[in-house]
Protein backbone atom coordinates (compact mmCIF):
# COMPACT_ATOMS: atom_id res chain seq x y z
CA MET A 1 35.49 -14.06 207.51
CA PHE A 2 37.96 -11.23 207.31
CA PRO A 3 41.76 -11.32 207.71
CA VAL A 4 42.44 -10.69 211.40
CA ASN A 5 44.94 -7.89 211.84
CA VAL A 6 44.99 -4.69 213.88
CA PRO A 7 43.71 -2.38 211.09
CA ASN A 8 40.77 -4.66 210.28
CA VAL A 9 39.89 -5.07 213.97
CA LEU A 10 39.89 -1.27 214.35
CA THR A 11 37.58 -0.97 211.34
CA LEU A 12 35.24 -3.59 212.80
CA LEU A 13 35.27 -1.82 216.18
CA ARG A 14 34.30 1.42 214.42
CA ILE A 15 31.29 -0.36 212.90
CA LEU A 16 30.36 -1.81 216.29
CA ALA A 17 30.59 1.68 217.81
CA VAL A 18 27.68 2.88 215.65
CA PRO A 19 24.88 1.32 217.74
CA VAL A 20 26.61 2.41 220.96
CA LEU A 21 26.72 5.98 219.65
CA VAL A 22 23.05 5.91 218.65
CA VAL A 23 21.88 4.42 221.95
CA ALA A 24 23.96 6.89 223.97
CA LEU A 25 22.45 9.78 222.00
CA LEU A 26 18.85 8.70 221.65
CA ASP A 27 18.18 6.83 224.89
CA GLU A 28 18.02 8.89 227.98
CA THR A 29 21.30 7.40 229.15
CA PRO A 30 22.88 9.22 232.09
CA ASP A 31 25.71 11.31 230.62
CA GLY A 32 24.66 10.08 227.18
CA ASP A 33 26.08 13.13 225.40
CA VAL A 34 29.47 12.67 227.05
CA ILE A 35 29.48 8.94 226.20
CA ALA A 36 28.34 9.59 222.63
CA ALA A 37 30.97 12.33 222.11
CA ALA A 38 33.70 10.05 223.51
CA VAL A 39 32.59 7.07 221.39
CA PHE A 40 32.42 9.21 218.26
CA ALA A 41 35.82 10.80 218.94
CA LEU A 42 37.49 7.44 219.63
CA ALA A 43 35.90 5.86 216.56
CA ALA A 44 36.99 8.81 214.42
CA LEU A 45 40.52 8.48 215.78
CA THR A 46 40.64 4.82 214.70
CA ASP A 47 39.87 5.93 211.14
CA GLY A 48 43.25 7.53 210.67
CA LEU A 49 44.99 4.99 212.86
CA ASP A 50 43.85 1.87 210.99
CA GLY A 51 45.02 3.23 207.63
CA TYR A 52 48.36 4.30 209.06
CA ILE A 53 48.95 0.89 210.65
CA ALA A 54 47.83 -0.99 207.52
CA ARG A 55 50.28 0.90 205.31
CA ARG A 56 53.12 0.87 207.85
CA ARG A 57 52.86 -2.88 208.52
CA GLU A 58 51.92 -3.73 204.93
CA GLN A 59 48.60 -5.16 206.12
CA VAL A 60 46.37 -3.58 203.49
CA THR A 61 43.56 -6.03 202.70
CA THR A 62 40.55 -6.11 200.40
CA PHE A 63 38.36 -6.20 203.52
CA GLY A 64 40.01 -3.03 204.80
CA LYS A 65 39.76 -1.25 201.44
CA LEU A 66 36.03 -1.98 201.29
CA MET A 67 34.99 -1.75 204.92
CA ASP A 68 37.08 1.22 206.11
CA PRO A 69 35.23 3.85 204.06
CA LEU A 70 31.92 2.12 204.79
CA ALA A 71 32.62 2.23 208.54
CA ASP A 72 33.39 5.95 208.29
CA LYS A 73 30.17 6.66 206.45
CA LEU A 74 28.07 4.55 208.84
CA LEU A 75 29.51 6.44 211.80
CA VAL A 76 28.94 9.90 210.34
CA ILE A 77 25.49 9.10 208.94
CA ALA A 78 24.33 7.52 212.24
CA ALA A 79 25.50 10.58 214.18
CA LEU A 80 23.86 13.02 211.75
CA ILE A 81 20.51 11.20 211.69
CA SER A 82 20.53 10.93 215.49
CA LEU A 83 21.27 14.65 215.83
CA VAL A 84 18.45 15.49 213.41
CA SER A 85 16.01 13.34 215.40
CA LEU A 86 17.07 15.23 218.56
CA ASP A 87 16.43 18.59 216.79
CA ARG A 88 20.08 19.57 217.24
CA LEU A 89 20.80 19.61 213.51
CA ALA A 90 18.76 20.86 210.58
CA ALA A 91 17.73 18.02 208.28
CA TRP A 92 18.96 19.88 205.18
CA ILE A 93 22.49 20.04 206.60
CA ALA A 94 22.49 16.32 207.31
CA MET A 95 21.18 15.60 203.81
CA VAL A 96 23.85 17.76 202.14
CA ILE A 97 26.59 15.89 204.00
CA ILE A 98 25.03 12.44 203.49
CA ALA A 99 24.32 13.08 199.79
CA ARG A 100 27.92 14.16 199.22
CA GLU A 101 29.24 11.03 200.95
CA ILE A 102 27.02 8.73 198.88
CA ALA A 103 27.75 10.63 195.64
CA VAL A 104 31.52 10.43 196.11
CA THR A 105 31.27 6.71 196.93
CA GLY A 106 29.34 6.21 193.69
CA LEU A 107 31.86 8.35 191.85
CA ARG A 108 34.70 6.18 193.08
CA SER A 109 32.84 3.09 191.82
CA VAL A 110 32.37 4.63 188.37
CA ALA A 111 36.03 5.63 188.30
CA ALA A 112 37.11 2.13 189.30
CA GLU A 113 35.13 0.72 186.36
CA GLN A 114 37.15 3.07 184.13
CA GLY A 115 40.40 1.83 185.68
CA VAL A 116 40.91 5.05 187.66
CA VAL A 117 41.56 5.00 191.39
CA ILE A 118 40.47 8.13 193.23
CA ALA A 119 42.46 8.54 196.41
CA ALA A 120 41.39 10.90 199.16
CA SER A 121 42.42 14.44 198.28
CA TRP A 122 43.74 16.96 200.78
CA LEU A 123 40.34 18.70 200.54
CA GLY A 124 38.63 15.41 201.37
CA LYS A 125 40.86 15.04 204.42
CA VAL A 126 40.10 18.60 205.55
CA LYS A 127 36.39 17.87 205.03
CA THR A 128 36.66 14.81 207.24
CA LEU A 129 38.45 16.69 210.03
CA VAL A 130 35.98 19.59 210.00
CA GLN A 131 32.97 17.25 209.90
CA ILE A 132 34.31 15.21 212.81
CA ALA A 133 34.99 18.34 214.87
CA ALA A 134 31.53 19.73 214.10
CA ILE A 135 29.77 16.47 214.98
CA ILE A 136 31.68 16.07 218.26
CA CYS A 137 30.80 19.64 219.20
CA LEU A 138 27.12 19.19 218.27
CA ILE A 139 27.00 16.11 220.48
CA ALA A 140 28.87 17.72 223.38
CA PHE A 141 27.14 21.13 223.44
CA ASP A 142 23.37 21.32 223.75
CA PRO A 143 22.27 23.94 222.93
CA SER A 144 25.11 24.69 220.56
CA PRO A 145 26.94 27.99 221.00
CA TRP A 146 27.45 30.31 218.01
CA TRP A 147 30.95 29.00 217.29
CA VAL A 148 29.65 25.42 216.96
CA ASP A 149 27.09 26.67 214.44
CA ALA A 150 29.91 28.47 212.59
CA LEU A 151 31.96 25.25 212.59
CA LEU A 152 28.95 23.37 211.26
CA TYR A 153 28.48 25.81 208.36
CA LEU A 154 32.19 25.56 207.63
CA ALA A 155 31.75 21.76 207.49
CA VAL A 156 28.90 22.17 204.98
CA ALA A 157 30.99 24.53 202.84
CA VAL A 158 34.04 22.24 202.84
CA THR A 159 31.78 19.25 202.15
CA LEU A 160 30.35 20.93 199.04
CA ILE A 161 33.72 22.21 197.82
CA SER A 162 35.45 18.85 198.25
CA GLY A 163 32.55 17.09 196.54
CA ALA A 164 32.81 19.43 193.55
CA ASP A 165 36.57 18.88 193.51
CA TYR A 166 36.09 15.09 193.31
CA PHE A 167 33.59 15.40 190.46
CA LEU A 168 35.70 17.86 188.47
CA GLY A 169 38.84 15.84 189.15
CA LEU A 170 37.19 12.63 187.96
CA ARG A 171 36.53 14.03 184.50
CA ARG A 172 40.17 15.11 184.23
CA ARG A 173 41.47 11.76 185.56
CA ILE A 174 39.31 9.72 183.16
CA ASP A 175 40.45 11.89 180.23
CA GLU A 176 44.09 11.44 181.27
CA GLU A 177 43.61 7.67 181.58
CA ARG A 178 42.00 7.51 178.11
CA ARG A 179 44.89 9.50 176.57
CA ARG A 180 47.42 7.27 178.32
CA ARG A 181 45.70 4.12 177.04
CA SER A 182 45.43 5.56 173.54
CA THR A 183 49.13 6.46 173.54
CA ARG A 184 50.03 2.98 174.78
CA ARG A 185 47.91 1.33 172.04
CA ALA A 186 49.56 3.51 169.41
CA GLU A 187 53.02 2.57 170.69
CA VAL A 188 52.13 -1.13 170.64
CA SER A 189 50.79 -0.80 167.08
CA ARG A 190 53.99 0.93 165.93
CA ALA A 191 56.13 -1.73 167.60
CA ARG A 192 54.45 -4.49 165.57
């Protein structure tokens, strides 16, 4: 069981929104695109909201730390795969975005093993906003107008740039952490 608080409930609702999104997109539901766009937009809105509430009310939990990023990835990946299956999105674009998300998640795990916490960078936040906007537009507009395609290519570019930034930043952060630990050990040795 998870600690029941507003941020964790919002995270759980975002996970539960995934099948609703997929059914609205893939079934021939009346107004399915409108429903799917609304569900995706509301779920995306809860992403920022749950973190804000958790920090503001001091309700940060282990469940939230683990499940919040997972919920985000499930939502984005489900939307991308659904859009590919509807021939509204090129598979290579979906794979670039999905691969980056999985790679950064793995990167954060490696960093955590090294005692380094990688918080979301401003580039990562921009990437999220542009991806969300592009996905909502791809769901809402079929066929997609030129500006939606432009937004989608911007999302791919920001996705790649932010992914590279995380990888390059990790090397620097691990080196800094090693130097800090080495300095601390040297100070402890001198104090003895």
